[in-house]
Amino acid sequence: MTIDYTEAATLARSAHAGQVDKAGDDYFTAHIEAVVRIVREELGGDIRTAVAAYLHDIVEDTPVSLDTVIETFGEDVGADVDALTHRYTDGVGEPYPEYIDRIRARGGRAVVVKHADLLDHLHNGNTIPENMRTKYVEALARLTA
């Protein structure tokens, strides 16, 4: 299956349309594109990793299903996106350390994307509370240990 970088960007832009981050900025531009940039420019990720970066929040934060991701981008990208999706049961999220450990277990692209995601959150340290900053620093250390 050919992985289409442009198709991933288009799907993510459409799915996240209207969402804003904590600072009130367009979520796709402020966060998703920032994570993709970090993946490509700072962490040396390839096209498949950039595709996973475009899609890293799509299942968790939009109506797009994991099945749609798998049908469109294949099982491998789907497994990365699945690992990057924080799971909820009855409205309660899985413990964050377990979520990070699940990403570590997937390895490869999923780890690179989560690394970039955490770096982006930390780059925006002025807009997040100190407890969230601490959570992200601890997650980054756990992810890269």
Protein backbone atom coordinates (compact mmCIF):
# COMPACT_ATOMS: atom_id res chain seq x y z
CA MET A 1 0.00 0.00 0.00
CA THR A 2 1.30 3.43 -0.92
CA ILE A 3 1.26 5.83 1.98
CA ASP A 4 -0.05 9.25 0.93
CA TYR A 5 1.39 12.05 3.06
CA THR A 6 -0.94 14.63 1.48
CA GLU A 7 -3.99 12.46 2.13
CA ALA A 8 -3.03 12.18 5.81
CA ALA A 9 -2.66 15.96 6.07
CA THR A 10 -5.99 16.53 4.32
CA LEU A 11 -7.83 14.02 6.51
CA ALA A 12 -6.33 15.46 9.70
CA ARG A 13 -7.10 19.05 8.69
CA SER A 14 -10.72 18.13 7.90
CA ALA A 15 -11.23 15.96 10.99
CA HIS A 16 -9.79 18.58 13.37
CA ALA A 17 -11.64 21.49 11.70
CA GLY A 18 -13.07 23.84 14.30
CA GLN A 19 -11.00 22.47 17.18
CA VAL A 20 -8.85 24.88 19.16
CA ASP A 21 -6.03 24.32 21.61
CA LYS A 22 -5.88 25.63 25.19
CA ALA A 23 -4.59 28.99 23.92
CA GLY A 24 -7.55 29.28 21.51
CA ASP A 25 -5.47 28.66 18.38
CA ASP A 26 -6.50 26.38 15.52
CA TYR A 27 -5.61 22.89 16.75
CA PHE A 28 -4.46 21.54 13.40
CA THR A 29 -2.10 24.45 12.74
CA ALA A 30 -0.91 24.96 16.31
CA HIS A 31 -0.44 21.34 17.33
CA ILE A 32 -0.79 18.74 14.58
CA GLU A 33 1.43 20.57 12.08
CA ALA A 34 3.89 21.41 14.88
CA VAL A 35 4.20 17.71 15.78
CA VAL A 36 4.77 16.81 12.11
CA ARG A 37 7.44 19.52 11.84
CA ILE A 38 9.24 18.23 14.95
CA VAL A 39 9.06 14.66 13.63
CA ARG A 40 10.58 15.64 10.28
CA GLU A 41 12.99 18.44 11.21
CA GLU A 42 14.12 17.66 14.75
CA LEU A 43 13.76 13.89 15.07
CA GLY A 44 14.51 12.83 11.48
CA GLY A 45 11.29 10.90 10.94
CA ASP A 46 10.41 9.50 7.53
CA ILE A 47 7.17 9.92 5.57
CA ARG A 48 5.38 7.06 7.36
CA THR A 49 6.27 8.64 10.69
CA ALA A 50 4.96 12.00 9.46
CA VAL A 51 1.72 10.29 8.39
CA ALA A 52 1.36 8.80 11.89
CA ALA A 53 2.07 12.27 13.30
CA TYR A 54 -0.72 13.81 11.22
CA LEU A 55 -3.08 11.13 12.51
CA HIS A 56 -1.86 10.81 16.12
CA ASP A 57 -4.93 12.49 17.71
CA ILE A 58 -7.51 11.69 15.06
CA VAL A 59 -9.13 8.64 16.68
CA GLU A 60 -9.07 10.10 20.19
CA ASP A 61 -10.31 13.59 19.31
CA THR A 62 -12.50 13.28 16.18
CA PRO A 63 -15.21 11.00 14.77
CA VAL A 64 -12.66 9.27 12.49
CA SER A 65 -12.40 5.60 13.47
CA LEU A 66 -9.34 3.41 13.69
CA ASP A 67 -10.95 1.22 11.01
CA THR A 68 -10.96 4.22 8.65
CA VAL A 69 -7.28 4.87 9.39
CA ILE A 70 -6.43 1.21 8.70
CA GLU A 71 -8.50 1.10 5.49
CA THR A 72 -6.90 4.30 4.22
CA PHE A 73 -3.29 3.99 5.41
CA GLY A 74 -2.79 0.28 6.17
CA GLU A 75 -2.34 -1.95 9.20
CA ASP A 76 1.12 -0.66 10.10
CA VAL A 77 0.11 3.01 10.32
CA GLY A 78 -3.12 1.90 11.99
CA ALA A 79 -1.14 0.08 14.69
CA ASP A 80 0.91 3.24 15.31
CA VAL A 81 -2.22 5.38 15.58
CA ASP A 82 -3.84 2.79 17.85
CA ALA A 83 -0.83 2.88 20.17
CA LEU A 84 -0.93 6.70 20.20
CA THR A 85 -4.63 6.77 21.07
CA HIS A 86 -5.28 7.28 24.79
CA ARG A 87 -7.95 4.76 25.74
CA TYR A 88 -11.06 5.57 27.76
CA THR A 89 -13.46 3.22 29.51
CA ASP A 90 -16.70 4.69 30.81
CA GLY A 91 -15.19 8.16 30.44
CA VAL A 92 -12.09 7.32 32.49
CA GLY A 93 -8.72 7.46 30.74
CA GLU A 94 -6.17 4.74 31.16
CA PRO A 95 -3.42 5.75 33.60
CA TYR A 96 -0.95 7.97 31.76
CA PRO A 97 2.14 5.88 32.65
CA GLU A 98 0.41 2.79 31.22
CA TYR A 99 -0.42 4.73 28.06
CA ILE A 100 3.23 5.76 27.67
CA ASP A 101 4.34 2.17 28.31
CA ARG A 102 1.96 0.96 25.57
CA ILE A 103 3.56 3.40 23.14
CA ARG A 104 7.03 2.23 24.19
CA ALA A 105 5.95 -1.37 23.59
CA ARG A 106 4.87 -0.47 20.05
CA GLY A 107 8.23 1.23 19.55
CA GLY A 108 9.51 2.80 16.34
CA ARG A 109 7.33 5.46 14.75
CA ALA A 110 4.87 5.57 17.65
CA VAL A 111 7.67 6.52 20.05
CA VAL A 112 9.00 9.18 17.67
CA VAL A 113 5.54 10.72 17.26
CA LYS A 114 4.81 10.73 21.01
CA HIS A 115 8.26 12.22 21.62
CA ALA A 116 7.40 15.03 19.19
CA ASP A 117 3.93 15.44 20.74
CA LEU A 118 5.43 15.85 24.21
CA LEU A 119 8.08 18.28 22.93
CA ASP A 120 5.38 20.40 21.34
CA HIS A 121 3.40 20.47 24.59
CA LEU A 122 6.55 21.44 26.48
CA HIS A 123 7.44 24.14 23.92
CA ASN A 124 4.09 25.69 24.80
CA GLY A 125 4.90 25.65 28.51
CA ASN A 126 3.45 29.11 29.13
CA THR A 127 -0.04 27.90 28.23
CA ILE A 128 -0.11 24.75 30.36
CA PRO A 129 -0.36 24.44 34.15
CA GLU A 130 2.74 23.33 36.06
CA ASN A 131 1.20 19.94 36.91
CA MET A 132 0.74 19.23 33.18
CA ARG A 133 4.30 20.34 32.47
CA THR A 134 5.53 17.92 35.14
CA LYS A 135 3.38 15.14 33.66
CA TYR A 136 4.86 15.73 30.19
CA VAL A 137 8.46 15.88 31.48
CA GLU A 138 7.94 12.60 33.37
CA ALA A 139 6.30 11.02 30.31
CA LEU A 140 9.18 12.08 28.06
CA ALA A 141 11.68 10.57 30.50
CA ARG A 142 9.66 7.34 30.68
CA LEU A 143 9.22 7.20 26.90
CA THR A 144 12.91 7.66 26.13
CA ALA A 145 14.35 5.61 29.04
